[in-house]
Amino acid sequence: MVAEKLARETDPRVIPTGTEVYIPELELYAVAEDTGGDIKGKRIDVYTGSGEEGLKEALDIGNRMVTVIIIKRA
């Protein structure tokens, strides 16, 4: 099953806010919704939810290199 999440933070010079992306390694469709002060260049921060379930998913994803495919640029 392909999941949908918010790409909470991106560098708008690389992935503008509102851009739809697909991350095949995570089978994840996401929308860039925010810019983060710590997110510079080719980095993306994916929101996985809150509580124990969100934390578990974030730890499962970890910090790794992924492919980000632009579906629709904002």
N, C-alpha and C. Protein backbone atom coordinates (compact mmCIF):
# COMPACT_ATOMS: atom_id res chain seq x y z
N MET A 1 0.84 -1.19 0.00
CA MET A 1 0.00 0.00 0.00
C MET A 1 0.88 1.25 0.00
N VAL A 2 0.56 2.20 -0.81
CA VAL A 2 1.31 3.45 -0.89
C VAL A 2 0.72 4.42 0.13
N ALA A 3 1.59 5.00 0.95
CA ALA A 3 1.15 5.90 2.02
C ALA A 3 1.18 7.35 1.56
N GLU A 4 0.41 8.18 2.25
CA GLU A 4 0.45 9.62 2.04
C GLU A 4 0.82 10.29 3.35
N LYS A 5 1.81 11.14 3.33
CA LYS A 5 2.24 11.88 4.51
C LYS A 5 2.56 13.30 4.08
N LEU A 6 2.76 14.15 5.05
CA LEU A 6 3.21 15.50 4.76
C LEU A 6 4.73 15.55 4.81
N ALA A 7 5.32 16.13 3.79
CA ALA A 7 6.74 16.42 3.85
C ALA A 7 6.82 17.74 4.59
N ARG A 8 6.91 17.70 5.87
CA ARG A 8 6.78 18.88 6.71
C ARG A 8 7.75 19.98 6.34
N GLU A 9 8.98 19.62 6.12
CA GLU A 9 9.98 20.66 5.90
C GLU A 9 10.85 20.33 4.69
N THR A 10 11.03 21.34 3.84
CA THR A 10 11.94 21.25 2.70
C THR A 10 12.61 22.60 2.54
N ASP A 11 13.70 22.62 1.81
CA ASP A 11 14.33 23.88 1.44
C ASP A 11 13.58 24.37 0.20
N PRO A 12 12.87 25.50 0.28
CA PRO A 12 12.05 25.95 -0.85
C PRO A 12 12.85 26.29 -2.11
N ARG A 13 14.16 26.44 -1.98
CA ARG A 13 14.99 26.66 -3.18
C ARG A 13 15.14 25.37 -3.96
N VAL A 14 14.95 24.23 -3.29
CA VAL A 14 15.08 22.93 -3.93
C VAL A 14 13.71 22.32 -4.21
N ILE A 15 12.84 22.29 -3.20
CA ILE A 15 11.48 21.77 -3.33
C ILE A 15 10.54 22.84 -2.77
N PRO A 16 9.90 23.63 -3.65
CA PRO A 16 9.03 24.71 -3.18
C PRO A 16 7.83 24.19 -2.37
N THR A 17 7.38 25.02 -1.43
CA THR A 17 6.19 24.69 -0.64
C THR A 17 5.02 24.44 -1.57
N GLY A 18 4.27 23.37 -1.31
CA GLY A 18 3.13 23.00 -2.14
C GLY A 18 3.45 21.99 -3.21
N THR A 19 4.73 21.65 -3.37
CA THR A 19 5.15 20.69 -4.39
C THR A 19 4.78 19.27 -3.95
N GLU A 20 4.25 18.49 -4.89
CA GLU A 20 3.91 17.09 -4.63
C GLU A 20 5.10 16.23 -5.03
N VAL A 21 5.48 15.30 -4.15
CA VAL A 21 6.63 14.44 -4.41
C VAL A 21 6.28 12.99 -4.12
N TYR A 22 7.10 12.10 -4.67
CA TYR A 22 7.00 10.66 -4.39
C TYR A 22 8.37 10.17 -3.97
N ILE A 23 8.42 9.40 -2.88
CA ILE A 23 9.67 8.82 -2.39
C ILE A 23 9.53 7.30 -2.50
N PRO A 24 10.10 6.70 -3.57
CA PRO A 24 9.88 5.28 -3.82
C PRO A 24 10.38 4.35 -2.71
N GLU A 25 11.48 4.68 -2.09
CA GLU A 25 12.02 3.82 -1.03
C GLU A 25 11.05 3.67 0.15
N LEU A 26 10.20 4.66 0.33
CA LEU A 26 9.23 4.64 1.43
C LEU A 26 7.82 4.37 0.93
N GLU A 27 7.66 4.20 -0.41
CA GLU A 27 6.35 4.08 -1.04
C GLU A 27 5.44 5.18 -0.52
N LEU A 28 5.91 6.43 -0.64
CA LEU A 28 5.28 7.56 0.03
C LEU A 28 5.04 8.72 -0.93
N TYR A 29 3.79 9.15 -1.01
CA TYR A 29 3.45 10.39 -1.68
C TYR A 29 3.37 11.47 -0.60
N ALA A 30 3.89 12.66 -0.86
CA ALA A 30 3.89 13.72 0.14
C ALA A 30 3.79 15.08 -0.54
N VAL A 31 3.43 16.08 0.26
CA VAL A 31 3.36 17.46 -0.20
C VAL A 31 4.24 18.30 0.71
N ALA A 32 5.11 19.12 0.12
CA ALA A 32 5.96 20.02 0.90
C ALA A 32 5.07 21.10 1.51
N GLU A 33 4.97 21.13 2.83
CA GLU A 33 4.05 22.03 3.50
C GLU A 33 4.72 23.13 4.31
N ASP A 34 6.02 23.06 4.51
CA ASP A 34 6.66 24.01 5.40
C ASP A 34 8.14 24.10 5.04
N THR A 35 8.77 25.14 5.55
CA THR A 35 10.23 25.26 5.42
C THR A 35 10.81 25.15 6.81
N GLY A 36 11.92 24.50 6.93
CA GLY A 36 12.54 24.34 8.24
C GLY A 36 13.88 25.04 8.29
N GLY A 37 14.17 25.64 9.41
CA GLY A 37 15.44 26.34 9.57
C GLY A 37 16.63 25.42 9.44
N ASP A 38 16.47 24.15 9.83
CA ASP A 38 17.57 23.20 9.76
C ASP A 38 17.62 22.44 8.45
N ILE A 39 16.61 22.61 7.62
CA ILE A 39 16.55 21.88 6.35
C ILE A 39 17.15 22.77 5.27
N LYS A 40 18.35 22.42 4.84
CA LYS A 40 19.07 23.19 3.82
C LYS A 40 19.49 22.26 2.69
N GLY A 41 19.29 22.70 1.46
CA GLY A 41 19.73 21.92 0.31
C GLY A 41 18.83 20.72 0.06
N LYS A 42 19.44 19.63 -0.35
CA LYS A 42 18.71 18.43 -0.75
C LYS A 42 18.38 17.56 0.46
N ARG A 43 17.54 18.09 1.33
CA ARG A 43 17.07 17.37 2.52
C ARG A 43 15.56 17.51 2.59
N ILE A 44 14.92 16.53 3.22
CA ILE A 44 13.48 16.56 3.39
C ILE A 44 13.16 15.94 4.74
N ASP A 45 12.22 16.53 5.43
CA ASP A 45 11.78 16.03 6.73
C ASP A 45 10.34 15.57 6.57
N VAL A 46 10.08 14.28 6.78
CA VAL A 46 8.75 13.72 6.59
C VAL A 46 8.04 13.62 7.94
N TYR A 47 6.84 14.16 8.01
CA TYR A 47 6.02 14.06 9.23
C TYR A 47 5.37 12.68 9.25
N THR A 48 5.58 11.95 10.33
CA THR A 48 5.08 10.58 10.43
C THR A 48 3.91 10.44 11.39
N GLY A 49 3.49 11.53 11.99
CA GLY A 49 2.39 11.47 12.94
C GLY A 49 2.88 11.73 14.35
N SER A 50 1.94 11.69 15.28
CA SER A 50 2.29 11.96 16.67
C SER A 50 2.12 10.70 17.52
N GLY A 51 2.55 10.81 18.74
CA GLY A 51 2.40 9.69 19.66
C GLY A 51 3.37 8.56 19.38
N GLU A 52 3.10 7.42 20.03
CA GLU A 52 4.00 6.27 19.89
C GLU A 52 4.08 5.75 18.47
N GLU A 53 2.95 5.74 17.76
CA GLU A 53 2.93 5.24 16.39
C GLU A 53 3.79 6.11 15.46
N GLY A 54 3.66 7.43 15.59
CA GLY A 54 4.47 8.35 14.79
C GLY A 54 5.94 8.23 15.09
N LEU A 55 6.28 8.09 16.38
CA LEU A 55 7.68 7.93 16.78
C LEU A 55 8.25 6.63 16.23
N LYS A 56 7.49 5.54 16.32
CA LYS A 56 7.96 4.25 15.80
C LYS A 56 8.23 4.35 14.30
N GLU A 57 7.31 4.97 13.57
CA GLU A 57 7.51 5.10 12.12
C GLU A 57 8.73 5.97 11.80
N ALA A 58 8.91 7.07 12.54
CA ALA A 58 10.07 7.94 12.33
C ALA A 58 11.37 7.19 12.58
N LEU A 59 11.40 6.39 13.64
CA LEU A 59 12.61 5.61 13.94
C LEU A 59 12.85 4.54 12.88
N ASP A 60 11.76 3.95 12.34
CA ASP A 60 11.89 2.96 11.28
C ASP A 60 12.47 3.59 10.01
N ILE A 61 12.02 4.81 9.68
CA ILE A 61 12.52 5.51 8.50
C ILE A 61 13.97 5.92 8.73
N GLY A 62 14.24 6.52 9.88
CA GLY A 62 15.60 6.94 10.21
C GLY A 62 16.08 8.08 9.34
N ASN A 63 17.39 8.24 9.32
CA ASN A 63 18.05 9.29 8.55
C ASN A 63 18.81 8.60 7.43
N ARG A 64 18.29 8.70 6.21
CA ARG A 64 18.93 7.99 5.09
C ARG A 64 18.74 8.72 3.77
N MET A 65 19.52 8.29 2.81
CA MET A 65 19.41 8.83 1.45
C MET A 65 18.21 8.19 0.77
N VAL A 66 17.39 9.00 0.11
CA VAL A 66 16.25 8.50 -0.65
C VAL A 66 16.16 9.26 -1.97
N THR A 67 15.39 8.73 -2.87
CA THR A 67 15.10 9.38 -4.14
C THR A 67 13.81 10.18 -3.97
N VAL A 68 13.81 11.43 -4.38
CA VAL A 68 12.60 12.26 -4.32
C VAL A 68 12.23 12.62 -5.76
N ILE A 69 11.06 12.15 -6.17
CA ILE A 69 10.57 12.41 -7.52
C ILE A 69 9.51 13.51 -7.44
N ILE A 70 9.72 14.60 -8.20
CA ILE A 70 8.77 15.69 -8.24
C ILE A 70 7.59 15.27 -9.11
N ILE A 71 6.39 15.22 -8.51
CA ILE A 71 5.19 14.87 -9.25
C ILE A 71 4.56 16.13 -9.86
N LYS A 72 4.42 17.17 -9.03
CA LYS A 72 3.84 18.43 -9.48
C LYS A 72 4.48 19.57 -8.70
N ARG A 73 5.26 20.38 -9.40
CA ARG A 73 5.95 21.50 -8.76
C ARG A 73 4.97 22.63 -8.50
N ALA A 74 5.07 23.22 -7.31
CA ALA A 74 4.18 24.34 -6.96
C ALA A 74 4.62 25.61 -7.65
